[in-house]
Amino acid sequence: MNNLKKIGLTALGTAMVASSASAATMSVSGGTSLFFGGEDNSNSGNGWSMTDQVTFSASGEMDNGFTISTSLQLDGVGAAATTNGHFDDRSITIDTGDMGKLTFSGHGSSGPVGAWDDLTPSANEESWGTSIGATVDGPTNSAIGNNSFIYDYTLSDAIALKAAYIPSKGTPLESSTEIGVVYTGIDGLTVSAAMGENNTAADKIDLSVFSANYAAGPITVGIQTNESDAGTGTDEDFTAYGVSYAVSDDVSVSYNVSSLDYSSTLQDQDSSAVSVSFTAGGVAISASHQTTDNVAGAATADNSSYEVNFSFSF
């Protein structure tokens, strides 16, 4: 990221922070990528596409020591551009220091359940993450997304907390919340756990996620287990395992497997994937090949897919 300039600002003040900012740091960064992908059981036409993003960021320290920052990403194409007029990820963050950090995410962030839905180590995609006609079921059913409040607090060197809240726009008007904790007190070990609720769903889903990753030298192994308990609908239990190996500072490979178990008559969705990545400066190349049996629980829906990414950042 290259700082473009520093400019003086005079703040009018807000209801949340009754002080002024004397200066702000502004920066811009960008990235683009080429993507090639496809699947075995369909013909989706041209498998080549690209992404392009430019992100503008600004931050400034208030007289009371709080740091206010904002970020706005311009994205040329895709669903985000169609919905938001070419604006993609965007947020406002109030960093209070000792009292933690509060972020209002207009788009592009998740609460702890969504952010930690599958933390098994991978060189590229999760075992279920390579697109198969957008029909593969994901590992959780989090409601936290656009226009959400996210709070991060460092309790100690080994423990960090994360919470999230989104008001509901549905009927009845019920909000959804999530809270999670990360423990890193043992060298090489990271344990994450979170729980929450999705009250925007008609059957009101209780959510929980748990992961543990351990790194020893070039090898990292991890496990993940999630639960989605629906009030009247289908419950889902997700388990995943992964191992990654850093061949060198620039090259990594991984193998991941997962299973999504439904409480109904749907079949278990079983996925596996092999991934590889190579990085050199601002250039990254990554690839995955995924196989999924019983896609979305359908006994006759077996498929496999692949993707290759060429990414450039500046």
Protein backbone atom coordinates (compact mmCIF):
# COMPACT_ATOMS: atom_id res chain seq x y z
CA MET A 1 0.00 0.00 0.00
CA ASN A 2 1.45 3.41 -0.99
CA ASN A 3 0.62 6.53 1.00
CA LEU A 4 -0.38 9.26 -1.41
CA LYS A 5 -0.45 12.27 0.85
CA LYS A 6 -1.26 13.62 4.30
CA ILE A 7 -3.80 16.37 4.56
CA GLY A 8 -5.07 18.45 7.48
CA LEU A 9 -8.69 17.99 8.45
CA THR A 10 -10.95 19.78 10.90
CA ALA A 11 -13.69 17.54 12.24
CA LEU A 12 -17.15 18.87 13.09
CA GLY A 13 -17.59 16.13 15.69
CA THR A 14 -20.15 13.36 15.92
CA ALA A 15 -22.61 12.01 18.44
CA MET A 16 -20.23 9.17 19.20
CA VAL A 17 -16.94 11.06 19.54
CA ALA A 18 -17.08 14.62 20.83
CA SER A 19 -13.58 15.70 19.78
CA SER A 20 -11.76 16.71 16.64
CA ALA A 21 -9.14 15.20 14.36
CA SER A 22 -6.06 17.27 13.58
CA ALA A 23 -4.75 15.24 10.66
CA ALA A 24 -5.62 12.24 8.57
CA THR A 25 -3.53 9.76 6.65
CA MET A 26 -4.97 8.78 3.30
CA SER A 27 -3.87 5.88 1.12
CA VAL A 28 -4.93 3.93 -1.91
CA SER A 29 -4.22 0.33 -2.84
CA GLY A 30 -5.33 -1.85 -5.68
CA GLY A 31 -5.40 -5.36 -6.98
CA THR A 32 -6.51 -7.37 -9.95
CA SER A 33 -6.66 -11.03 -10.80
CA LEU A 34 -7.32 -13.47 -13.60
CA PHE A 35 -9.51 -16.45 -12.81
CA PHE A 36 -10.04 -19.69 -14.69
CA GLY A 37 -12.48 -22.28 -13.44
CA GLY A 38 -15.03 -24.88 -14.34
CA GLU A 39 -16.77 -28.07 -13.34
CA ASP A 40 -17.06 -31.53 -14.81
CA ASN A 41 -20.84 -31.94 -15.05
CA SER A 42 -21.84 -28.74 -16.81
CA ASN A 43 -20.76 -26.41 -19.58
CA SER A 44 -20.81 -22.84 -18.30
CA GLY A 45 -19.06 -21.42 -21.35
CA ASN A 46 -15.95 -19.27 -21.10
CA GLY A 47 -14.19 -20.13 -17.84
CA TRP A 48 -12.01 -17.01 -17.84
CA SER A 49 -12.89 -13.89 -15.83
CA MET A 50 -11.15 -11.10 -13.94
CA THR A 51 -11.53 -9.01 -10.83
CA ASP A 52 -10.40 -5.45 -10.23
CA GLN A 53 -10.50 -3.43 -7.03
CA VAL A 54 -9.17 -0.09 -5.86
CA THR A 55 -9.44 0.63 -2.13
CA PHE A 56 -9.33 4.13 -0.64
CA SER A 57 -8.55 4.39 3.08
CA ALA A 58 -8.31 7.27 5.54
CA SER A 59 -7.55 7.40 9.25
CA GLY A 60 -6.98 10.08 11.83
CA GLU A 61 -6.41 10.36 15.57
CA MET A 62 -8.91 12.36 17.61
CA ASP A 63 -7.98 14.63 20.52
CA ASN A 64 -9.19 11.96 22.96
CA GLY A 65 -6.79 9.36 21.50
CA PHE A 66 -9.38 7.46 19.49
CA THR A 67 -8.45 6.56 15.92
CA ILE A 68 -11.21 6.87 13.33
CA SER A 69 -10.70 5.13 10.00
CA THR A 70 -12.77 4.40 6.95
CA SER A 71 -12.29 2.24 3.90
CA LEU A 72 -14.12 2.21 0.56
CA GLN A 73 -13.49 -0.27 -2.22
CA LEU A 74 -14.38 0.30 -5.87
CA ASP A 75 -15.14 -2.91 -7.74
CA GLY A 76 -15.78 -3.00 -11.47
CA VAL A 77 -18.08 -5.96 -11.95
CA GLY A 78 -20.09 -8.61 -10.15
CA ALA A 79 -23.06 -8.73 -7.85
CA ALA A 80 -21.59 -6.11 -5.51
CA ALA A 81 -21.27 -3.62 -8.37
CA THR A 82 -24.82 -4.28 -9.50
CA THR A 83 -26.26 -3.86 -6.01
CA ASN A 84 -24.08 -1.05 -4.68
CA GLY A 85 -23.22 0.98 -7.77
CA HIS A 86 -19.60 -0.24 -8.11
CA PHE A 87 -18.92 0.17 -4.37
CA ASP A 88 -17.91 -3.11 -2.70
CA ASP A 89 -16.31 -3.50 0.76
CA ARG A 90 -16.75 -0.43 2.96
CA SER A 91 -16.56 0.25 6.68
CA ILE A 92 -16.06 2.80 9.46
CA THR A 93 -13.91 1.83 12.46
CA ILE A 94 -13.50 3.50 15.85
CA ASP A 95 -10.38 2.21 17.60
CA THR A 96 -10.49 3.23 21.27
CA GLY A 97 -7.24 1.53 22.21
CA ASP A 98 -7.71 -0.14 25.59
CA MET A 99 -11.49 -0.37 25.20
CA GLY A 100 -11.38 -2.23 21.90
CA LYS A 101 -12.36 -1.53 18.32
CA LEU A 102 -15.88 -0.99 16.96
CA THR A 103 -16.54 -1.38 13.23
CA PHE A 104 -19.68 -0.60 11.29
CA SER A 105 -19.49 -2.72 8.14
CA GLY A 106 -21.60 -1.54 5.25
CA HIS A 107 -20.38 -4.50 3.22
CA GLY A 108 -17.61 -7.09 3.22
CA SER A 109 -17.26 -8.20 6.85
CA SER A 110 -18.59 -11.05 8.99
CA GLY A 111 -19.15 -11.81 12.63
CA PRO A 112 -17.14 -14.53 14.38
CA VAL A 113 -19.44 -17.37 13.25
CA GLY A 114 -19.18 -16.42 9.59
CA ALA A 115 -15.53 -15.37 9.71
CA TRP A 116 -14.49 -18.60 11.46
CA ASP A 117 -16.80 -21.00 9.57
CA ASP A 118 -13.86 -23.08 8.26
CA LEU A 119 -10.37 -22.25 9.51
CA THR A 120 -8.71 -25.51 8.49
CA PRO A 121 -5.37 -24.66 6.83
CA SER A 122 -5.48 -24.37 3.04
CA ALA A 123 -3.18 -23.09 0.32
CA ASN A 124 -6.19 -21.75 -1.59
CA GLU A 125 -9.81 -22.87 -1.18
CA GLU A 126 -11.61 -24.84 1.51
CA SER A 127 -12.68 -28.39 0.70
CA TRP A 128 -16.13 -27.10 -0.33
CA GLY A 129 -15.05 -23.66 -1.59
CA THR A 130 -14.52 -24.13 -5.31
CA SER A 131 -17.76 -23.16 -7.01
CA ILE A 132 -20.00 -25.94 -8.32
CA GLY A 133 -22.84 -24.04 -9.94
CA ALA A 134 -23.20 -22.10 -6.64
CA THR A 135 -25.07 -25.10 -5.21
CA VAL A 136 -22.63 -26.51 -2.64
CA ASP A 137 -23.91 -25.94 0.91
CA GLY A 138 -21.63 -23.88 3.12
CA PRO A 139 -20.60 -24.77 6.68
CA THR A 140 -22.80 -22.29 8.57
CA ASN A 141 -25.88 -20.06 8.32
CA SER A 142 -24.72 -16.77 9.80
CA ALA A 143 -26.94 -13.69 9.50
CA ILE A 144 -24.18 -11.12 10.13
CA GLY A 145 -23.34 -9.30 6.90
CA ASN A 146 -24.17 -5.91 5.42
CA ASN A 147 -24.81 -3.00 7.82
CA SER A 148 -23.60 -4.86 10.91
CA PHE A 149 -21.73 -3.76 14.04
CA ILE A 150 -18.56 -5.74 14.85
CA TYR A 151 -16.54 -5.35 18.05
CA ASP A 152 -12.99 -6.62 18.67
CA TYR A 153 -11.32 -6.60 22.07
CA THR A 154 -7.92 -7.94 23.12
CA LEU A 155 -8.32 -9.32 26.63
CA SER A 156 -4.68 -10.41 27.00
CA ASP A 157 -1.71 -11.49 24.91
CA ALA A 158 -3.33 -14.93 24.57
CA ILE A 159 -7.07 -14.14 24.40
CA ALA A 160 -9.04 -12.00 21.95
CA LEU A 161 -12.81 -11.48 21.84
CA LYS A 162 -15.04 -10.75 18.87
CA ALA A 163 -18.76 -9.89 18.85
CA ALA A 164 -21.25 -8.86 16.19
CA TYR A 165 -24.80 -7.50 16.00
CA ILE A 166 -27.25 -6.83 13.18
CA PRO A 167 -30.72 -5.36 13.58
CA SER A 168 -33.42 -7.31 11.77
CA LYS A 169 -35.48 -5.87 8.95
CA GLY A 170 -37.87 -8.79 8.91
CA THR A 171 -41.11 -9.61 10.70
CA PRO A 172 -41.05 -9.98 13.61
CA LEU A 173 -38.29 -7.46 14.24
CA GLU A 174 -35.59 -9.54 15.96
CA SER A 175 -31.87 -8.81 15.87
CA SER A 176 -29.11 -11.39 15.53
CA THR A 177 -25.93 -11.54 17.61
CA GLU A 178 -22.69 -13.53 17.70
CA ILE A 179 -19.79 -13.72 20.16
CA GLY A 180 -16.48 -15.57 19.91
CA VAL A 181 -13.06 -16.02 21.50
CA VAL A 182 -9.60 -16.87 20.13
CA TYR A 183 -6.89 -18.45 22.30
CA THR A 184 -3.21 -18.39 21.27
CA GLY A 185 -1.53 -19.02 24.62
CA ILE A 186 0.37 -22.16 23.51
CA ASP A 187 3.10 -21.80 20.91
CA GLY A 188 1.83 -22.96 17.52
CA LEU A 189 -1.76 -23.55 18.69
CA THR A 190 -4.77 -21.40 17.76
CA VAL A 191 -8.21 -22.28 19.14
CA SER A 192 -11.33 -20.38 18.03
CA ALA A 193 -14.89 -20.80 19.25
CA ALA A 194 -18.05 -18.79 18.62
CA MET A 195 -21.79 -19.00 19.06
CA GLY A 196 -24.72 -16.94 17.90
CA GLU A 197 -28.16 -16.87 16.38
CA ASN A 198 -29.76 -16.20 13.03
CA ASN A 199 -33.12 -14.64 13.83
CA THR A 200 -33.71 -13.42 10.29
CA ALA A 201 -34.34 -17.04 9.27
CA ALA A 202 -37.95 -18.16 9.51
CA ASP A 203 -37.02 -21.06 11.81
CA LYS A 204 -34.51 -19.09 13.94
CA ILE A 205 -31.20 -20.95 13.81
CA ASP A 206 -28.79 -21.36 16.76
CA LEU A 207 -25.18 -21.44 15.56
CA SER A 208 -21.85 -22.62 16.95
CA VAL A 209 -18.37 -23.05 15.45
CA PHE A 210 -15.14 -24.47 16.86
CA SER A 211 -11.68 -24.86 15.33
CA ALA A 212 -8.19 -25.81 16.43
CA ASN A 213 -5.06 -25.40 14.32
CA TYR A 214 -1.53 -26.43 15.27
CA ALA A 215 1.60 -25.39 13.37
CA ALA A 216 4.91 -27.22 13.80
CA GLY A 217 7.62 -26.10 11.42
CA PRO A 218 6.34 -26.21 7.83
CA ILE A 219 3.29 -28.36 8.69
CA THR A 220 -0.05 -27.05 9.94
CA VAL A 221 -2.98 -29.32 10.83
CA GLY A 222 -6.49 -28.26 11.75
CA ILE A 223 -9.97 -29.44 12.67
CA GLN A 224 -13.34 -27.69 12.48
CA THR A 225 -16.79 -28.56 13.81
CA ASN A 226 -19.95 -26.45 13.42
CA GLU A 227 -23.62 -26.83 14.34
CA SER A 228 -26.71 -25.13 12.91
CA ASP A 229 -29.76 -26.01 15.02
CA ALA A 230 -32.99 -24.86 13.38
CA GLY A 231 -36.19 -24.33 15.33
CA THR A 232 -38.42 -26.15 12.85
CA GLY A 233 -36.23 -26.87 9.83
CA THR A 234 -33.26 -29.11 9.07
CA ASP A 235 -30.32 -29.18 11.49
CA GLU A 236 -26.81 -29.28 10.02
CA ASP A 237 -23.56 -30.62 11.53
CA PHE A 238 -20.33 -29.73 9.72
CA THR A 239 -16.91 -31.30 10.32
CA ALA A 240 -13.67 -30.60 8.46
CA TYR A 241 -9.99 -31.55 8.60
CA GLY A 242 -7.02 -30.03 6.82
CA VAL A 243 -3.24 -30.20 6.54
CA SER A 244 -0.93 -27.78 4.78
CA TYR A 245 2.78 -28.00 4.05
CA ALA A 246 5.04 -25.02 3.32
CA VAL A 247 7.43 -26.41 0.73
CA SER A 248 9.34 -23.12 0.84
CA ASP A 249 8.70 -19.50 1.76
CA ASP A 250 6.92 -19.12 -1.58
CA VAL A 251 5.18 -22.46 -2.19
CA SER A 252 2.50 -24.25 -0.12
CA VAL A 253 0.28 -27.27 -0.72
CA SER A 254 -2.74 -28.53 1.23
CA TYR A 255 -5.36 -31.25 1.45
CA ASN A 256 -8.79 -30.66 3.00
CA VAL A 257 -11.89 -32.82 3.60
CA SER A 258 -15.30 -32.02 5.06
CA SER A 259 -18.73 -33.51 5.65
CA LEU A 260 -22.09 -31.78 6.12
CA ASP A 261 -24.61 -34.00 7.93
CA TYR A 262 -28.33 -33.16 7.70
CA SER A 263 -30.96 -34.16 10.25
CA SER A 264 -33.46 -34.82 7.43
CA THR A 265 -33.45 -37.53 4.77
CA LEU A 266 -30.84 -35.61 2.75
CA GLN A 267 -27.56 -37.44 2.15
CA ASP A 268 -24.32 -36.23 3.75
CA GLN A 269 -22.48 -33.75 1.54
CA ASP A 270 -18.84 -34.94 1.41
CA SER A 271 -16.11 -32.75 -0.09
CA SER A 272 -12.35 -32.94 -0.57
CA ALA A 273 -9.87 -30.60 -2.22
CA VAL A 274 -6.20 -30.33 -3.11
CA SER A 275 -4.73 -26.82 -3.30
CA VAL A 276 -1.40 -25.20 -4.14
CA SER A 277 -0.14 -21.62 -3.96
CA PHE A 278 2.93 -19.68 -5.09
CA THR A 279 3.76 -16.11 -4.10
CA ALA A 280 6.51 -13.78 -5.27
CA GLY A 281 6.27 -10.15 -4.23
CA GLY A 282 2.96 -8.74 -5.40
CA VAL A 283 2.19 -11.76 -7.59
CA ALA A 284 0.31 -14.85 -6.35
CA ILE A 285 -0.75 -17.97 -8.21
CA SER A 286 -3.11 -20.45 -6.55
CA ALA A 287 -5.16 -23.43 -7.69
CA SER A 288 -7.61 -25.98 -6.30
CA HIS A 289 -9.36 -29.15 -7.45
CA GLN A 290 -12.48 -30.13 -5.50
CA THR A 291 -14.68 -33.22 -5.48
CA THR A 292 -18.09 -33.22 -3.80
CA ASP A 293 -20.47 -36.15 -3.38
CA ASN A 294 -24.19 -35.54 -2.74
CA VAL A 295 -24.09 -31.82 -3.52
CA ALA A 296 -26.52 -30.03 -1.15
CA GLY A 297 -27.65 -33.45 0.10
CA ALA A 298 -28.88 -34.79 -3.25
CA ALA A 299 -27.92 -38.46 -3.70
CA THR A 300 -27.62 -38.15 -7.49
CA ALA A 301 -25.56 -34.94 -7.48
CA ASP A 302 -21.84 -35.78 -7.53
CA ASN A 303 -19.51 -33.27 -9.13
CA SER A 304 -15.96 -31.96 -9.25
CA SER A 305 -14.57 -28.54 -10.08
CA TYR A 306 -11.31 -26.66 -10.48
CA GLU A 307 -9.96 -23.12 -10.40
CA VAL A 308 -6.71 -21.25 -11.05
CA ASN A 309 -6.10 -17.69 -9.84
CA PHE A 310 -3.45 -15.22 -10.98
CA SER A 311 -3.46 -12.26 -8.55
CA PHE A 312 -1.56 -8.98 -8.65
CA SER A 313 -1.49 -6.35 -5.89
CA PHE A 314 -0.06 -2.86 -5.86
